[in-house]
C-alpha cells in the first residue's frame, strides 16, 4: 500500500526538511506501533536527534497509544511542555 501524502516529498527532501527544524519538538513513539515508513523513520529520527531541542520517548503499547494509554502520553507531553504530570487528571475509574 502506498499513501499518496507520503509521496509528495522525496526522501532527500524529507530529510532536508527534518534537518531544518530548530524549535523544540517531541516524538512519542509506541513501542509496538507502526512506522509511517520503516526504512525512512530511523533516518528521520537521526536527523532530529542532532537538534538539542528534540525529545523522543518510546512508550510501551500499540500504535494507538494516545488512545489506549492516554495518561502516559499526556504525562510525556506535559513534561515536554514544562508542566508537572501531577497536575494531570487521573484516569477515570471504569464503572
C-alpha atoms as a PDB file:
ATOM      1  CA  UNK A   1       0.000   0.000   0.000  1.00  0.00           C
ATOM      2  CA  UNK A   2       1.278   3.455  -0.889  1.00  0.00           C
ATOM      3  CA  UNK A   3      -0.024   6.507   0.865  1.00  0.00           C
ATOM      4  CA  UNK A   4      -0.052   9.403  -1.637  1.00  0.00           C
ATOM      5  CA  UNK A   5       0.512  12.066   1.019  1.00  0.00           C
ATOM      6  CA  UNK A   6       3.836  10.461   1.935  1.00  0.00           C
ATOM      7  CA  UNK A   7       4.967  10.517  -1.683  1.00  0.00           C
ATOM      8  CA  UNK A   8       4.692  14.299  -2.077  1.00  0.00           C
ATOM      9  CA  UNK A   9       8.285  14.826  -0.949  1.00  0.00           C
ATOM     10  CA  UNK A  10      11.252  12.763  -1.995  1.00  0.00           C
ATOM     11  CA  UNK A  11      13.338  11.031   0.655  1.00  0.00           C
ATOM     12  CA  UNK A  12      16.045  13.672   0.220  1.00  0.00           C
ATOM     13  CA  UNK A  13      13.502  16.478   0.635  1.00  0.00           C
ATOM     14  CA  UNK A  14      12.031  14.890   3.769  1.00  0.00           C
ATOM     15  CA  UNK A  15      15.486  14.548   5.321  1.00  0.00           C
ATOM     16  CA  UNK A  16      16.337  18.139   4.393  1.00  0.00           C
ATOM     17  CA  UNK A  17      13.112  19.486   5.899  1.00  0.00           C
ATOM     18  CA  UNK A  18      13.642  17.421   9.065  1.00  0.00           C
ATOM     19  CA  UNK A  19      17.105  18.938   9.402  1.00  0.00           C
ATOM     20  CA  UNK A  20      15.709  22.459   9.234  1.00  0.00           C
ATOM     21  CA  UNK A  21      13.597  22.060  12.367  1.00  0.00           C
ATOM     22  CA  UNK A  22      15.176  24.108  15.143  1.00  0.00           C
ATOM     23  CA  UNK A  23      12.294  24.548  17.558  1.00  0.00           C
ATOM     24  CA  UNK A  24      11.609  22.155  20.446  1.00  0.00           C
ATOM     25  CA  UNK A  25       9.710  19.167  19.164  1.00  0.00           C
ATOM     26  CA  UNK A  26       8.566  15.865  20.562  1.00  0.00           C
ATOM     27  CA  UNK A  27       8.003  12.428  19.082  1.00  0.00           C
ATOM     28  CA  UNK A  28       6.095   9.983  21.261  1.00  0.00           C
ATOM     29  CA  UNK A  29       6.556   6.554  19.747  1.00  0.00           C
ATOM     30  CA  UNK A  30       4.598   3.420  20.579  1.00  0.00           C
ATOM     31  CA  UNK A  31       6.941   0.504  21.193  1.00  0.00           C
ATOM     32  CA  UNK A  32       4.680  -1.806  19.186  1.00  0.00           C
ATOM     33  CA  UNK A  33       3.456   0.874  16.805  1.00  0.00           C
ATOM     34  CA  UNK A  34       3.628   1.068  13.049  1.00  0.00           C
ATOM     35  CA  UNK A  35       6.118   3.432  11.445  1.00  0.00           C
ATOM     36  CA  UNK A  36       4.927   5.553   8.532  1.00  0.00           C
ATOM     37  CA  UNK A  37       7.926   4.338   6.518  1.00  0.00           C
ATOM     38  CA  UNK A  38      10.027   1.655   8.238  1.00  0.00           C
ATOM     39  CA  UNK A  39      13.078   2.466   6.105  1.00  0.00           C
ATOM     40  CA  UNK A  40      12.911   6.261   6.374  1.00  0.00           C
ATOM     41  CA  UNK A  41      11.789   6.548  10.002  1.00  0.00           C
ATOM     42  CA  UNK A  42      15.192   5.732  11.586  1.00  0.00           C
ATOM     43  CA  UNK A  43      16.920   8.177   9.244  1.00  0.00           C
ATOM     44  CA  UNK A  44      14.480  10.968  10.107  1.00  0.00           C
ATOM     45  CA  UNK A  45      14.998  10.233  13.806  1.00  0.00           C
ATOM     46  CA  UNK A  46      18.780  10.509  13.362  1.00  0.00           C
ATOM     47  CA  UNK A  47      18.345  13.910  11.722  1.00  0.00           C
ATOM     48  CA  UNK A  48      16.010  15.049  14.504  1.00  0.00           C
ATOM     49  CA  UNK A  49      18.489  13.857  17.154  1.00  0.00           C
ATOM     50  CA  UNK A  50      21.062  16.431  16.012  1.00  0.00           C
ATOM     51  CA  UNK A  51      18.713  19.153  17.295  1.00  0.00           C
ATOM     52  CA  UNK A  52      19.292  19.686  21.050  1.00  0.00           C
ATOM     53  CA  UNK A  53      15.617  20.703  21.314  1.00  0.00           C
ATOM     54  CA  UNK A  54      14.387  17.318  20.109  1.00  0.00           C
ATOM     55  CA  UNK A  55      12.783  14.907  22.561  1.00  0.00           C
ATOM     56  CA  UNK A  56      11.958  11.288  21.770  1.00  0.00           C
ATOM     57  CA  UNK A  57      10.018   8.989  24.064  1.00  0.00           C
ATOM     58  CA  UNK A  58       9.207   5.355  23.385  1.00  0.00           C
ATOM     59  CA  UNK A  59       6.329   4.086  25.491  1.00  0.00           C
ATOM     60  CA  UNK A  60       5.085   0.514  25.784  1.00  0.00           C
ATOM     61  CA  UNK A  61       1.912  -0.047  23.872  1.00  0.00           C
ATOM     62  CA  UNK A  62       0.296  -0.347  20.443  1.00  0.00           C
ATOM     63  CA  UNK A  63       0.052   2.093  17.539  1.00  0.00           C
ATOM     64  CA  UNK A  64      -2.954   3.865  19.072  1.00  0.00           C
ATOM     65  CA  UNK A  65      -1.022   4.598  22.253  1.00  0.00           C
ATOM     66  CA  UNK A  66      -2.629   8.032  22.527  1.00  0.00           C
ATOM     67  CA  UNK A  67      -5.985   6.281  22.914  1.00  0.00           C
ATOM     68  CA  UNK A  68      -5.098   3.128  24.842  1.00  0.00           C
ATOM     69  CA  UNK A  69      -2.536   4.729  27.167  1.00  0.00           C
ATOM     70  CA  UNK A  70      -3.688   8.341  27.093  1.00  0.00           C
ATOM     71  CA  UNK A  71      -2.486   9.234  30.588  1.00  0.00           C
ATOM     72  CA  UNK A  72       1.065   8.043  29.863  1.00  0.00           C
ATOM     73  CA  UNK A  73       1.164  10.037  26.634  1.00  0.00           C
ATOM     74  CA  UNK A  74      -0.318  13.082  28.367  1.00  0.00           C
ATOM     75  CA  UNK A  75       2.359  12.872  31.075  1.00  0.00           C
ATOM     76  CA  UNK A  76       5.130  12.900  28.475  1.00  0.00           C
ATOM     77  CA  UNK A  77       3.538  15.828  26.654  1.00  0.00           C
ATOM     78  CA  UNK A  78       3.005  17.758  29.898  1.00  0.00           C
ATOM     79  CA  UNK A  79       6.629  17.178  30.885  1.00  0.00           C
ATOM     80  CA  UNK A  80       7.754  18.363  27.438  1.00  0.00           C
ATOM     81  CA  UNK A  81       5.660  21.498  27.825  1.00  0.00           C
ATOM     82  CA  UNK A  82       7.119  22.109  31.279  1.00  0.00           C
ATOM     83  CA  UNK A  83       4.140  21.118  33.375  1.00  0.00           C
ATOM     84  CA  UNK A  84       4.095  18.696  36.244  1.00  0.00           C
ATOM     85  CA  UNK A  85       2.367  15.439  35.446  1.00  0.00           C
ATOM     86  CA  UNK A  86       0.858  15.691  38.942  1.00  0.00           C
ATOM     87  CA  UNK A  87      -1.402  18.416  37.556  1.00  0.00           C
ATOM     88  CA  UNK A  88      -2.939  15.957  35.103  1.00  0.00           C
ATOM     89  CA  UNK A  89      -6.264  14.403  35.957  1.00  0.00           C
ATOM     90  CA  UNK A  90      -6.116  10.743  36.876  1.00  0.00           C
ATOM     91  CA  UNK A  91      -7.823   8.303  34.511  1.00  0.00           C
ATOM     92  CA  UNK A  92     -11.473   7.755  35.255  1.00  0.00           C
ATOM     93  CA  UNK A  93     -12.273   4.518  37.012  1.00  0.00           C
ATOM     94  CA  UNK A  94     -14.244   2.084  34.936  1.00  0.00           C
ATOM     95  CA  UNK A  95     -17.735   1.557  36.215  1.00  0.00           C
END
